Protein backbone atom coordinates (compact mmCIF):
# COMPACT_ATOMS: atom_id res chain seq x y z
CA MET A 1 162.52 -98.45 -36.82
CA SER A 2 159.31 -96.78 -35.88
CA LYS A 3 155.62 -97.34 -36.42
CA GLU A 4 155.70 -94.95 -39.36
CA ASN A 5 158.74 -96.61 -40.89
CA PRO A 6 159.25 -100.37 -40.44
CA LEU A 7 162.66 -100.18 -42.16
CA SER A 8 165.92 -99.64 -40.32
CA HIS A 9 168.00 -96.61 -41.25
CA HIS A 10 170.26 -98.76 -43.44
CA GLU A 11 167.28 -100.43 -45.10
CA GLN A 12 165.73 -97.03 -45.79
CA LEU A 13 168.94 -95.86 -47.46
CA ARG A 14 169.05 -99.02 -49.56
CA TYR A 15 165.38 -98.69 -50.48
CA ASP A 16 165.86 -95.07 -51.59
CA TYR A 17 168.93 -96.03 -53.63
CA LEU A 18 167.20 -98.98 -55.29
CA LEU A 19 164.11 -96.90 -56.02
CA LYS A 20 166.20 -94.22 -57.75
CA ASN A 21 167.92 -96.87 -59.85
CA ILE A 22 164.89 -99.12 -60.38
CA HIS A 23 165.48 -99.50 -64.14
CA TYR A 24 169.10 -100.60 -63.71
CA LEU A 25 168.81 -103.21 -60.97
CA ASN A 26 170.34 -106.65 -61.32
CA GLU A 27 168.46 -109.73 -60.17
CA ARG A 28 169.84 -109.65 -56.61
CA GLU A 29 168.97 -105.97 -56.23
CA LYS A 30 165.45 -106.61 -57.57
CA ASN A 31 165.01 -109.31 -54.94
CA GLU A 32 166.34 -106.98 -52.25
CA PHE A 33 163.95 -104.23 -53.38
CA ALA A 34 161.00 -106.65 -53.33
CA TYR A 35 161.98 -107.76 -49.81
CA LEU A 36 162.13 -104.16 -48.57
CA GLN A 37 158.79 -103.34 -50.21
CA GLU A 38 157.18 -106.27 -48.43
CA LYS A 39 158.32 -104.85 -45.08
CA LEU A 40 156.57 -101.55 -45.79
């Protein structure tokens, strides 16, 4: 985590993955994506 990026490395990887697959997310993944977006 840094000032530029409040996400951990793992969270950043998950965020990138979820963003690429945004149209195919299940409910749990949508919640996870929303959580990560709130941290940004």
